[in-house]
Protein backbone atom coordinates (compact mmCIF):
# COMPACT_ATOMS: atom_id res chain seq x y z
CA UNK A 1 12.15 -55.28 -129.19
CA UNK A 2 15.78 -54.11 -128.07
CA UNK A 3 17.18 -57.78 -127.34
CA UNK A 4 15.24 -58.41 -131.30
CA UNK A 5 17.55 -56.36 -133.05
CA UNK A 6 20.40 -56.58 -130.69
CA UNK A 7 20.88 -60.25 -131.52
CA UNK A 8 19.16 -60.15 -135.21
CA UNK A 9 22.11 -56.98 -136.18
CA UNK A 10 24.60 -57.09 -133.21
CA UNK A 11 24.42 -55.38 -129.98
CA UNK A 12 24.35 -51.60 -130.13
CA UNK A 13 25.19 -51.37 -133.91
CA UNK A 14 21.85 -51.84 -135.45
CA UNK A 15 21.22 -47.90 -134.82
CA UNK A 16 23.26 -47.00 -138.06
CA UNK A 17 22.36 -49.74 -139.77
CA UNK A 18 19.92 -49.28 -143.21
CA UNK A 19 18.58 -52.58 -143.06
CA UNK A 20 17.95 -52.37 -138.94
CA UNK A 21 16.22 -49.50 -139.24
CA UNK A 22 13.90 -50.19 -142.17
CA UNK A 23 13.28 -54.26 -140.29
CA UNK A 24 9.68 -54.40 -140.15
CA UNK A 25 9.30 -54.92 -136.61
CA UNK A 26 11.05 -51.82 -135.64
CA UNK A 27 9.54 -49.95 -137.82
CA UNK A 28 5.97 -50.63 -135.80
CA UNK A 29 7.50 -50.27 -132.77
CA UNK A 30 8.64 -46.63 -134.17
CA UNK A 31 5.24 -45.89 -135.58
CA UNK A 32 3.50 -47.36 -132.18
CA UNK A 33 5.74 -44.83 -130.09
CA UNK A 34 4.73 -41.90 -132.76
CA UNK A 35 1.69 -42.79 -131.56
CA UNK A 36 1.21 -43.35 -128.04
CA UNK A 37 3.80 -42.77 -126.64
CA UNK A 38 3.75 -39.40 -124.74
CA UNK A 39 5.78 -36.47 -124.56
CA UNK A 40 8.42 -36.10 -120.83
CA UNK A 41 7.12 -32.18 -120.52
CA UNK A 42 3.17 -33.66 -120.75
CA UNK A 43 3.84 -36.39 -117.99
CA UNK A 44 5.88 -34.67 -115.73
CA UNK A 45 3.43 -31.22 -116.03
CA UNK A 46 0.80 -33.62 -114.53
CA UNK A 47 0.12 -32.79 -111.04
CA UNK A 48 0.98 -36.56 -110.21
CA UNK A 49 4.05 -36.09 -111.46
CA UNK A 50 4.46 -32.81 -109.57
CA UNK A 51 3.97 -33.92 -106.25
CA UNK A 52 6.56 -36.86 -106.73
CA UNK A 53 9.19 -34.50 -107.74
CA UNK A 54 8.35 -31.96 -104.72
CA UNK A 55 8.38 -34.75 -102.89
CA UNK A 56 12.39 -36.06 -103.67
CA UNK A 57 13.17 -32.10 -104.29
CA UNK A 58 12.59 -31.91 -100.13
CA UNK A 59 14.80 -34.87 -99.38
CA UNK A 60 12.20 -38.24 -99.85
CA UNK A 61 12.90 -40.92 -101.26
CA UNK A 62 11.02 -43.81 -103.47
CA UNK A 63 9.43 -45.41 -99.90
CA UNK A 64 8.50 -42.01 -98.59
CA UNK A 65 7.64 -41.29 -101.53
CA UNK A 66 5.23 -44.46 -101.82
CA UNK A 67 4.00 -43.63 -98.05
CA UNK A 68 2.60 -40.30 -98.81
CA UNK A 69 1.38 -40.84 -102.21
CA UNK A 70 -0.16 -43.77 -102.05
CA UNK A 71 1.16 -44.99 -105.26
CA UNK A 72 3.29 -47.88 -106.49
CA UNK A 73 7.34 -48.24 -105.63
CA UNK A 74 7.73 -49.24 -109.67
CA UNK A 75 5.48 -46.24 -110.57
CA UNK A 76 7.18 -43.72 -107.76
CA UNK A 77 10.83 -45.47 -109.10
CA UNK A 78 9.65 -45.30 -112.95
CA UNK A 79 9.05 -41.36 -112.41
CA UNK A 80 11.90 -40.70 -110.44
CA UNK A 81 14.58 -42.38 -113.24
CA UNK A 82 12.27 -40.41 -116.34
CA UNK A 83 13.01 -37.22 -114.61
CA UNK A 84 16.64 -37.82 -113.48
CA UNK A 85 17.36 -38.68 -117.48
CA UNK A 86 16.04 -35.86 -118.21
CA UNK A 87 17.74 -34.02 -116.10
CA UNK A 88 15.04 -32.87 -113.34
CA UNK A 89 16.71 -34.41 -110.47
CA UNK A 90 20.04 -32.20 -110.90
CA UNK A 91 19.37 -30.19 -107.91
CA UNK A 92 17.43 -32.57 -105.88
CA UNK A 93 18.83 -32.22 -102.07
CA UNK A 94 19.98 -36.05 -100.58
CA UNK A 95 17.50 -38.37 -99.36
CA UNK A 96 16.98 -37.97 -95.68
CA UNK A 97 18.18 -41.67 -93.89
CA UNK A 98 15.49 -41.56 -90.65
CA UNK A 99 16.59 -43.32 -88.28
CA UNK A 100 14.63 -46.85 -88.36
CA UNK A 101 12.42 -47.13 -84.87
CA UNK A 102 13.34 -50.45 -83.50
CA UNK A 103 10.70 -51.79 -80.98
CA UNK A 104 12.82 -51.89 -77.54
CA UNK A 105 12.58 -55.53 -76.68
CA UNK A 106 13.70 -55.39 -72.91
CA UNK A 107 9.55 -54.80 -72.57
CA UNK A 108 8.60 -57.69 -73.44
CA UNK A 109 10.25 -59.57 -70.69
CA UNK A 110 10.63 -56.94 -67.49
CA UNK A 111 13.08 -57.92 -64.96
CA UNK A 112 11.71 -59.51 -61.77
CA UNK A 113 13.04 -57.81 -58.87
CA UNK A 114 16.80 -58.74 -57.16
CA UNK A 115 15.06 -60.24 -54.58
CA UNK A 116 13.01 -63.02 -56.74
CA UNK A 117 15.88 -63.74 -58.08
CA UNK A 118 17.79 -64.32 -55.25
CA UNK A 119 14.44 -66.65 -53.54
CA UNK A 120 14.79 -69.07 -56.64
CA UNK A 121 18.94 -69.59 -56.51
CA UNK A 122 18.57 -70.30 -52.38
CA UNK A 123 15.35 -72.85 -53.50
CA UNK A 124 18.58 -74.70 -55.36
CA UNK A 125 17.43 -74.85 -58.82
CA UNK A 126 19.83 -74.25 -61.60
CA UNK A 127 19.95 -71.83 -63.74
CA UNK A 128 18.33 -73.52 -67.04
CA UNK A 129 15.38 -74.37 -64.41
CA UNK A 130 15.23 -70.55 -63.15
CA UNK A 131 15.51 -69.06 -66.44
CA UNK A 132 12.25 -71.93 -67.99
CA UNK A 133 10.23 -70.69 -64.36
CA UNK A 134 10.79 -67.09 -65.69
CA UNK A 135 9.56 -68.03 -69.18
CA UNK A 136 12.87 -66.42 -69.68
CA UNK A 137 16.07 -67.65 -72.40
CA UNK A 138 19.22 -68.22 -69.86
CA UNK A 139 21.10 -65.39 -71.67
CA UNK A 140 18.67 -63.20 -70.29
CA UNK A 141 19.02 -64.61 -67.03
CA UNK A 142 22.82 -64.28 -67.16
CA UNK A 143 22.39 -60.88 -67.97
CA UNK A 144 20.17 -59.81 -64.99
CA UNK A 145 22.09 -61.92 -62.56
CA UNK A 146 24.83 -59.62 -63.89
CA UNK A 147 23.19 -56.56 -63.44
CA UNK A 148 22.24 -57.82 -60.07
CA UNK A 149 26.03 -58.95 -59.12
CA UNK A 150 23.72 -62.07 -58.46
CA UNK A 151 26.81 -63.69 -61.01
CA UNK A 152 29.33 -64.45 -57.79
CA UNK A 153 26.14 -65.30 -55.33
CA UNK A 154 24.60 -68.02 -57.57
CA UNK A 155 28.08 -69.45 -58.14
CA UNK A 156 28.90 -69.71 -54.29
CA UNK A 157 24.77 -71.70 -53.76
CA UNK A 158 26.02 -74.13 -56.64
CA UNK A 159 29.22 -75.03 -54.50
CA UNK A 160 26.90 -74.98 -51.72
CA UNK A 161 25.01 -77.58 -52.07
CA UNK A 162 26.62 -79.67 -54.26
CA UNK A 163 29.41 -79.56 -51.01
CA UNK A 164 32.76 -78.51 -53.20
CA UNK A 165 35.23 -76.19 -51.45
CA UNK A 166 35.89 -73.30 -53.43
CA UNK A 167 37.11 -69.53 -53.69
CA UNK A 168 35.42 -67.27 -55.78
């Protein structure tokens, strides 16, 4: 309706225009709102709104309110917005930043014992083949070799296989 009024009478100019206020569509909207709109205080005093208000005053954000009350996010955000417009959330605590719990991805691939890595190196496998054998990516294999101090050992073993001489 606001877009219609802005388009017909000019953006934000229609509120003080006699013709705009007498527009049949605008008058119909005003009558409908008068008959159907519930005053804010009546909504605010309902138990559902009070639960949202109490949680927000405790520092909960919209996502936590949705989880706690089982309502939709749009409903929670709409109620919070209405409370903010009417000055009910002026003394609200800042939204608590709760840390996100990340799953420990390292548990998905348990590191094999150092002896097993040495056996794979001594068997003549390159690092790509070793990673395939262990069912992990090469980057993880390199981290395991670094952690166990086997990077230089693997380089020396590689040079021994190829016959090259190098001081590592």
